[in-house]
N, C-alpha and C. Protein backbone atom coordinates (compact mmCIF):
# COMPACT_ATOMS: atom_id res chain seq x y z
N MET A 1 -8.83 5.96 3.97
CA MET A 1 -8.20 7.03 2.93
C MET A 1 -7.02 6.10 2.31
N ILE A 2 -6.96 6.30 1.01
CA ILE A 2 -5.75 5.74 0.43
C ILE A 2 -4.67 6.75 0.03
N VAL A 3 -3.49 6.67 0.54
CA VAL A 3 -2.60 7.62 -0.09
C VAL A 3 -1.45 7.06 -0.87
N LYS A 4 -1.14 7.63 -1.95
CA LYS A 4 -0.12 7.18 -2.89
C LYS A 4 1.12 7.96 -2.67
N ARG A 5 2.19 7.12 -2.55
CA ARG A 5 3.68 7.69 -2.22
C ARG A 5 4.41 7.42 -3.58
N SER A 6 4.91 8.50 -4.01
CA SER A 6 5.90 8.41 -5.08
C SER A 6 7.20 8.32 -4.62
N GLY A 7 8.13 7.73 -5.49
CA GLY A 7 9.58 7.74 -4.86
C GLY A 7 9.97 6.40 -4.56
N LYS A 8 11.15 6.12 -4.07
CA LYS A 8 11.73 4.84 -3.95
C LYS A 8 11.81 4.41 -2.38
N ARG A 9 11.60 5.28 -1.47
CA ARG A 9 11.70 5.16 -0.18
C ARG A 9 10.54 5.16 0.71
N VAL A 10 10.64 4.54 1.73
CA VAL A 10 9.61 4.46 2.83
C VAL A 10 9.79 5.54 3.72
N THR A 11 8.56 6.10 4.13
CA THR A 11 8.71 7.42 5.12
C THR A 11 7.70 6.92 6.25
N ARG A 12 7.90 7.72 7.36
CA ARG A 12 6.94 7.32 8.49
C ARG A 12 6.49 8.73 8.90
N ILE A 13 5.19 8.87 8.93
CA ILE A 13 4.44 10.20 9.45
C ILE A 13 3.43 9.79 10.38
N CYS A 14 3.42 10.35 11.56
CA CYS A 14 2.41 10.05 12.62
C CYS A 14 2.36 8.51 12.96
N GLY A 15 3.83 7.91 12.92
CA GLY A 15 3.88 6.55 13.30
C GLY A 15 3.34 5.45 12.26
N HIS A 16 3.01 6.07 11.19
CA HIS A 16 2.50 5.07 10.16
C HIS A 16 3.56 5.11 8.90
N PHE A 17 3.92 3.99 8.69
CA PHE A 17 4.91 3.77 7.44
C PHE A 17 4.16 3.76 6.04
N PHE A 18 4.73 4.71 5.22
CA PHE A 18 4.12 4.78 3.89
C PHE A 18 5.30 4.32 2.94
N MET A 19 4.71 3.17 2.28
CA MET A 19 5.65 2.56 1.35
C MET A 19 5.44 3.19 -0.03
N PRO A 20 6.29 3.02 -1.08
CA PRO A 20 6.06 3.48 -2.44
C PRO A 20 4.87 2.83 -3.05
N GLY A 21 4.14 3.51 -3.70
CA GLY A 21 2.91 3.03 -4.14
C GLY A 21 1.64 3.53 -3.17
N ASN A 22 0.55 2.58 -3.20
CA ASN A 22 -0.67 3.02 -2.44
C ASN A 22 -0.68 2.51 -1.07
N ASN A 23 -0.99 3.18 -0.12
CA ASN A 23 -1.13 2.87 1.39
C ASN A 23 -2.50 3.14 1.89
N ASN A 24 -3.01 2.02 2.71
CA ASN A 24 -4.22 2.49 3.32
C ASN A 24 -4.03 3.00 4.75
N VAL A 25 -4.76 4.28 4.95
CA VAL A 25 -4.43 4.93 6.22
C VAL A 25 -5.75 4.59 7.01
N PRO A 26 -5.46 4.06 8.34
CA PRO A 26 -6.43 3.81 9.16
C PRO A 26 -7.50 5.00 9.54
N ASP A 27 -8.67 4.86 9.69
CA ASP A 27 -9.63 5.86 9.99
C ASP A 27 -9.13 6.68 11.22
N TYR A 28 -8.64 6.08 12.19
CA TYR A 28 -8.29 6.64 13.44
C TYR A 28 -7.14 7.81 13.17
N LEU A 29 -6.47 7.52 12.10
CA LEU A 29 -5.17 8.28 11.87
C LEU A 29 -5.53 9.59 10.94
N LYS A 30 -6.65 9.39 10.33
CA LYS A 30 -6.86 10.32 9.26
C LYS A 30 -6.76 11.98 9.66
N ASP A 31 -7.47 12.26 10.82
CA ASP A 31 -7.58 13.65 11.10
C ASP A 31 -6.07 13.95 11.59
N ARG A 32 -5.44 13.15 12.28
CA ARG A 32 -3.90 13.49 12.86
C ARG A 32 -3.10 13.72 11.65
N LEU A 33 -3.19 12.92 10.54
CA LEU A 33 -2.41 12.98 9.52
C LEU A 33 -2.65 14.22 8.61
N LEU A 34 -3.86 14.57 8.58
CA LEU A 34 -4.15 15.80 7.88
C LEU A 34 -3.71 17.06 8.43
N ASN A 35 -3.44 16.97 9.72
CA ASN A 35 -2.88 18.20 10.38
C ASN A 35 -1.47 18.17 10.73
N ASP A 36 -0.80 17.13 10.23
CA ASP A 36 0.67 16.97 10.30
C ASP A 36 1.42 17.86 9.34
N ARG A 37 2.44 18.45 9.87
CA ARG A 37 3.22 19.24 9.04
C ARG A 37 4.06 18.65 8.11
N GLN A 38 4.56 17.40 8.31
CA GLN A 38 5.28 16.64 7.14
C GLN A 38 4.35 16.14 6.21
N PHE A 39 3.21 15.77 6.46
CA PHE A 39 2.35 15.39 5.46
C PHE A 39 1.92 16.36 4.59
N LYS A 40 1.52 17.50 5.27
CA LYS A 40 1.36 18.63 4.44
C LYS A 40 2.28 18.95 3.34
N HIS A 41 3.63 18.93 3.86
CA HIS A 41 4.78 19.09 2.95
C HIS A 41 4.89 18.22 1.91
N GLU A 42 4.54 16.91 2.22
CA GLU A 42 4.54 15.83 1.08
C GLU A 42 3.56 16.11 0.01
N LEU A 43 2.29 16.61 0.59
CA LEU A 43 1.22 16.81 -0.44
C LEU A 43 1.55 17.92 -1.34
N GLN A 44 2.21 18.99 -0.77
CA GLN A 44 2.53 20.14 -1.56
C GLN A 44 3.75 19.83 -2.54
N ASN A 45 4.58 19.06 -2.09
CA ASN A 45 5.56 18.64 -3.07
C ASN A 45 5.25 17.67 -4.21
N GLY A 46 4.15 16.95 -3.89
CA GLY A 46 3.65 16.09 -4.84
C GLY A 46 4.19 14.68 -4.74
N THR A 47 4.92 14.37 -3.56
CA THR A 47 5.54 13.06 -3.27
C THR A 47 4.46 12.13 -2.68
N MET A 48 3.41 12.71 -2.20
CA MET A 48 2.30 12.06 -1.77
C MET A 48 0.97 12.69 -2.35
N ALA A 49 0.00 11.78 -2.54
CA ALA A 49 -1.35 12.15 -2.82
C ALA A 49 -2.42 11.47 -2.54
N ILE A 50 -3.52 11.95 -2.17
CA ILE A 50 -4.81 11.15 -1.77
C ILE A 50 -5.46 10.68 -2.94
N VAL A 51 -5.53 9.30 -3.02
CA VAL A 51 -6.33 8.73 -4.04
C VAL A 51 -7.62 9.06 -4.32
N GLY A 52 -8.13 9.45 -5.20
CA GLY A 52 -9.76 9.69 -5.41
C GLY A 52 -10.01 11.08 -4.82
N ALA A 53 -8.99 12.00 -4.42
CA ALA A 53 -9.45 13.22 -3.78
C ALA A 53 -8.48 14.17 -4.24
N LYS A 54 -8.68 15.43 -4.21
CA LYS A 54 -7.98 16.62 -4.48
C LYS A 54 -7.64 17.32 -3.16
N ALA A 55 -6.42 17.54 -2.77
CA ALA A 55 -6.07 18.02 -1.47
C ALA A 55 -5.65 19.53 -1.91
N ASN A 56 -6.31 20.51 -1.09
CA ASN A 56 -5.85 21.80 -1.10
C ASN A 56 -5.15 22.13 0.04
N VAL A 57 -3.81 22.30 0.17
CA VAL A 57 -2.96 22.28 1.22
C VAL A 57 -2.64 23.81 1.57
N THR A 58 -2.87 24.39 2.79
CA THR A 58 -2.42 25.56 3.25
C THR A 58 -1.57 25.32 4.67
N GLN A 59 -0.90 26.33 5.01
CA GLN A 59 -0.20 26.20 6.24
C GLN A 59 -1.20 25.67 7.42
N ALA A 60 -2.41 26.24 7.30
CA ALA A 60 -3.31 25.97 8.50
C ALA A 60 -3.93 24.69 8.53
N GLU A 61 -4.29 24.21 7.22
CA GLU A 61 -5.20 23.02 7.01
C GLU A 61 -4.95 22.35 5.73
N VAL A 62 -5.47 21.23 5.59
CA VAL A 62 -5.61 20.51 4.34
C VAL A 62 -7.04 20.35 4.11
N LYS A 63 -7.55 20.71 2.95
CA LYS A 63 -8.99 20.71 2.55
C LYS A 63 -9.03 19.49 1.45
N VAL A 64 -9.75 18.40 1.81
CA VAL A 64 -9.69 17.18 0.78
C VAL A 64 -11.13 17.37 0.03
N GLU A 65 -11.12 17.41 -1.32
CA GLU A 65 -12.34 17.23 -1.98
C GLU A 65 -12.28 16.12 -3.00
N ALA A 66 -13.33 15.55 -2.97
CA ALA A 66 -13.30 14.24 -3.86
C ALA A 66 -13.24 14.60 -5.33
N SER A 67 -12.42 13.92 -6.06
CA SER A 67 -12.19 14.18 -7.37
C SER A 67 -12.45 12.94 -8.21
N GLY A 68 -12.97 11.81 -7.69
CA GLY A 68 -13.51 10.61 -8.21
C GLY A 68 -13.71 9.63 -7.22
N PRO A 69 -14.07 8.50 -7.55
CA PRO A 69 -14.28 7.49 -6.64
C PRO A 69 -13.13 7.02 -5.94
N GLU A 70 -13.29 6.75 -4.51
CA GLU A 70 -12.06 6.14 -3.82
C GLU A 70 -12.00 4.61 -4.40
N PRO A 71 -10.79 4.12 -4.16
CA PRO A 71 -10.54 2.71 -4.48
C PRO A 71 -11.49 1.78 -3.90
N GLY A 72 -12.19 0.93 -4.75
CA GLY A 72 -13.01 0.08 -4.07
C GLY A 72 -14.12 -0.31 -5.24
N PRO A 73 -15.32 -0.90 -4.86
CA PRO A 73 -16.37 -1.34 -5.77
C PRO A 73 -16.90 -0.28 -6.67
N ASP A 74 -16.80 1.05 -6.19
CA ASP A 74 -17.36 2.19 -6.95
C ASP A 74 -16.49 2.62 -8.07
N MET A 75 -15.20 2.12 -7.97
CA MET A 75 -14.39 2.57 -9.08
C MET A 75 -14.34 1.54 -10.16
N PRO A 76 -14.31 2.13 -11.47
CA PRO A 76 -14.29 1.13 -12.50
C PRO A 76 -13.13 0.09 -12.43
N TYR A 77 -13.45 -1.13 -12.85
CA TYR A 77 -12.50 -2.32 -12.51
C TYR A 77 -11.34 -2.10 -13.18
N LYS A 78 -11.18 -1.36 -14.33
CA LYS A 78 -9.79 -1.30 -15.05
C LYS A 78 -9.03 -0.25 -14.22
N ASP A 79 -9.67 0.72 -13.71
CA ASP A 79 -8.95 1.79 -12.78
C ASP A 79 -8.56 1.14 -11.57
N MET A 80 -9.36 0.31 -10.90
CA MET A 80 -9.20 -0.48 -9.76
C MET A 80 -7.86 -1.50 -9.82
N ILE A 81 -7.93 -2.11 -10.99
CA ILE A 81 -6.81 -2.99 -11.33
C ILE A 81 -5.37 -2.20 -11.44
N GLY A 82 -5.52 -1.01 -11.87
CA GLY A 82 -4.33 -0.06 -11.92
C GLY A 82 -3.80 0.29 -10.52
N VAL A 83 -4.81 0.60 -9.84
CA VAL A 83 -4.45 0.84 -8.30
C VAL A 83 -3.79 -0.36 -7.60
N VAL A 84 -4.34 -1.46 -7.91
CA VAL A 84 -3.79 -2.63 -7.32
C VAL A 84 -2.37 -3.06 -7.87
N LYS A 85 -2.10 -2.75 -8.92
CA LYS A 85 -0.82 -2.96 -9.57
C LYS A 85 0.06 -2.03 -9.00
N ASN A 86 -0.20 -0.91 -8.40
CA ASN A 86 0.71 0.13 -8.03
C ASN A 86 0.65 0.10 -6.34
N THR A 87 0.21 -1.20 -5.85
CA THR A 87 0.18 -1.30 -4.38
C THR A 87 1.07 -2.34 -3.97
N PHE A 88 2.20 -2.03 -2.91
CA PHE A 88 3.13 -3.03 -2.65
C PHE A 88 2.99 -3.29 -1.01
N ASP A 89 2.08 -2.94 -0.54
CA ASP A 89 1.71 -3.12 0.99
C ASP A 89 0.69 -4.17 0.99
N ARG A 90 1.02 -5.26 1.73
CA ARG A 90 0.26 -6.36 1.90
C ARG A 90 -1.11 -6.12 2.58
N ALA A 91 -1.04 -5.21 3.78
CA ALA A 91 -2.16 -4.79 4.40
C ALA A 91 -3.21 -4.11 3.56
N THR A 92 -2.62 -3.28 2.70
CA THR A 92 -3.54 -2.48 1.70
C THR A 92 -4.12 -3.51 0.70
N LEU A 93 -3.44 -4.31 0.24
CA LEU A 93 -4.03 -5.41 -0.93
C LEU A 93 -5.22 -6.23 -0.05
N GLU A 94 -4.82 -6.52 1.20
CA GLU A 94 -5.84 -7.25 1.91
C GLU A 94 -7.26 -6.55 2.15
N HIS A 95 -6.93 -5.17 2.49
CA HIS A 95 -8.19 -4.28 2.60
C HIS A 95 -8.89 -4.13 1.26
N PHE A 96 -8.20 -4.16 0.07
CA PHE A 96 -8.97 -4.18 -1.12
C PHE A 96 -9.71 -5.49 -1.36
N ALA A 97 -8.99 -6.52 -1.05
CA ALA A 97 -9.83 -7.81 -1.23
C ALA A 97 -11.08 -7.78 -0.28
N GLU A 98 -11.05 -7.35 0.80
CA GLU A 98 -12.28 -7.14 1.65
C GLU A 98 -13.40 -6.34 1.04
N ILE A 99 -12.97 -5.09 0.50
CA ILE A 99 -14.10 -4.22 0.05
C ILE A 99 -14.55 -4.51 -1.39
N ASP A 100 -13.75 -5.15 -2.32
CA ASP A 100 -13.95 -5.35 -3.60
C ASP A 100 -14.16 -6.76 -4.03
N SER A 101 -15.40 -7.24 -4.36
CA SER A 101 -15.44 -8.68 -4.45
C SER A 101 -15.58 -9.08 -6.02
N ARG A 102 -15.30 -8.02 -7.03
CA ARG A 102 -15.40 -8.44 -8.30
C ARG A 102 -14.15 -9.42 -8.65
N ALA A 103 -14.62 -10.40 -9.51
CA ALA A 103 -13.58 -11.63 -9.71
C ALA A 103 -12.32 -10.98 -10.36
N THR A 104 -12.41 -10.17 -11.34
CA THR A 104 -11.19 -9.73 -12.10
C THR A 104 -10.31 -8.91 -11.02
N VAL A 105 -10.87 -8.13 -10.20
CA VAL A 105 -10.12 -7.31 -9.10
C VAL A 105 -9.39 -8.32 -8.09
N GLN A 106 -10.17 -9.50 -7.64
CA GLN A 106 -9.77 -10.40 -6.85
C GLN A 106 -8.58 -11.16 -7.47
N LYS A 107 -8.57 -11.48 -8.69
CA LYS A 107 -7.50 -12.13 -9.48
C LYS A 107 -6.12 -11.12 -9.52
N ALA A 108 -6.49 -10.03 -9.69
CA ALA A 108 -5.32 -8.86 -9.74
C ALA A 108 -4.79 -8.82 -8.38
N ILE A 109 -5.43 -8.77 -7.26
CA ILE A 109 -5.04 -8.66 -5.88
C ILE A 109 -4.27 -9.89 -5.69
N THR A 110 -4.65 -11.01 -6.03
CA THR A 110 -4.04 -12.36 -5.73
C THR A 110 -2.51 -12.29 -6.43
N GLU A 111 -2.64 -11.95 -7.79
CA GLU A 111 -1.41 -11.85 -8.46
C GLU A 111 -0.42 -10.90 -7.76
N GLN A 112 -0.83 -9.62 -7.39
CA GLN A 112 -0.02 -8.78 -6.83
C GLN A 112 0.54 -9.23 -5.50
N LEU A 113 -0.27 -9.96 -4.76
CA LEU A 113 0.12 -10.38 -3.38
C LEU A 113 1.26 -11.57 -3.72
N GLU A 114 1.13 -12.35 -4.84
CA GLU A 114 2.10 -13.36 -5.08
C GLU A 114 3.45 -12.75 -5.50
N ALA A 115 3.29 -11.48 -6.29
CA ALA A 115 4.44 -10.92 -6.96
C ALA A 115 5.31 -10.12 -5.80
N ILE A 116 4.43 -9.72 -4.74
CA ILE A 116 5.45 -9.09 -3.64
C ILE A 116 5.74 -9.87 -2.57
N ALA A 117 5.39 -11.10 -2.63
CA ALA A 117 5.65 -12.11 -1.62
C ALA A 117 7.26 -12.26 -1.36
N PRO A 118 7.66 -12.46 -0.27
CA PRO A 118 9.24 -12.83 -0.24
C PRO A 118 9.43 -14.28 -0.88
N PRO A 119 10.76 -14.41 -1.46
CA PRO A 119 11.06 -15.68 -1.89
C PRO A 119 10.93 -16.65 -0.83
N PRO A 120 10.60 -17.93 -1.29
CA PRO A 120 10.47 -18.96 -0.38
C PRO A 120 11.86 -19.37 0.42
N PRO A 121 12.09 -19.68 1.64
CA PRO A 121 13.34 -19.99 2.06
C PRO A 121 14.08 -21.12 1.66
N LYS A 122 15.21 -21.04 1.38
CA LYS A 122 15.97 -22.05 0.77
C LYS A 122 16.03 -23.33 1.77
N GLU A 123 15.71 -24.36 1.16
CA GLU A 123 15.77 -25.68 1.99
C GLU A 123 17.20 -26.22 2.20
N GLU A 124 17.54 -26.28 3.46
CA GLU A 124 19.00 -26.76 3.66
C GLU A 124 18.89 -28.30 3.67
N GLU A 125 20.03 -28.97 3.14
CA GLU A 125 20.04 -30.30 3.03
C GLU A 125 20.45 -30.69 4.48
N PRO A 126 19.82 -31.83 4.76
CA PRO A 126 20.10 -32.36 6.23
C PRO A 126 21.49 -32.91 6.23
N GLU A 127 22.16 -32.69 7.39
CA GLU A 127 23.35 -33.12 7.61
C GLU A 127 23.49 -34.70 7.77
N THR A 128 24.27 -35.47 6.91
CA THR A 128 24.46 -36.84 7.17
C THR A 128 25.60 -37.24 7.98
N GLU A 129 25.54 -38.17 8.87
CA GLU A 129 26.71 -38.53 9.43
C GLU A 129 27.47 -39.61 8.68
N SER A 130 28.68 -39.54 8.70
CA SER A 130 29.41 -40.49 7.85
C SER A 130 29.30 -41.82 8.20
N ASP A 131 29.15 -42.86 7.45
CA ASP A 131 29.05 -44.25 7.87
C ASP A 131 30.38 -44.99 7.60
N GLU A 132 31.37 -44.41 7.97
CA GLU A 132 32.63 -45.04 7.83
C GLU A 132 32.84 -46.00 8.94
N ASP A 133 33.42 -47.23 8.39
CA ASP A 133 33.68 -48.18 9.40
C ASP A 133 34.84 -48.02 10.11
N GLU A 134 34.84 -48.41 11.52
CA GLU A 134 35.84 -48.19 12.25
C GLU A 134 36.78 -49.37 12.32
N VAL A 135 38.03 -49.23 12.12
CA VAL A 135 38.81 -50.50 12.09
C VAL A 135 39.57 -50.69 13.46
């Protein structure tokens, strides 16, 4: 399940960190998350949404109905590229790379991974010992 988080901050629900943009939720966490009070609140507020699905949230439960294809090979490539460009989590991008082998999507994933990569560490100049002659 892919969950889109709007806003600028990272939030943690059920021990899972949700970064701004698209996030992959592991299968083992899906049921627990759909029953979590904070997650329901985020869905109701619109700060989180399930990609490719429509969630009907009540106090008692969250009913998820498909409203389109989930991100992956079934999604039109232009839509999938849009999803990739809105994903800032390395693990989610790697998940997309595993499930979608289309060349244009793979290129978008590679570009996004490069864009979110931390800058390379600065190389420090090696210290040189002074070669002063002793008198």
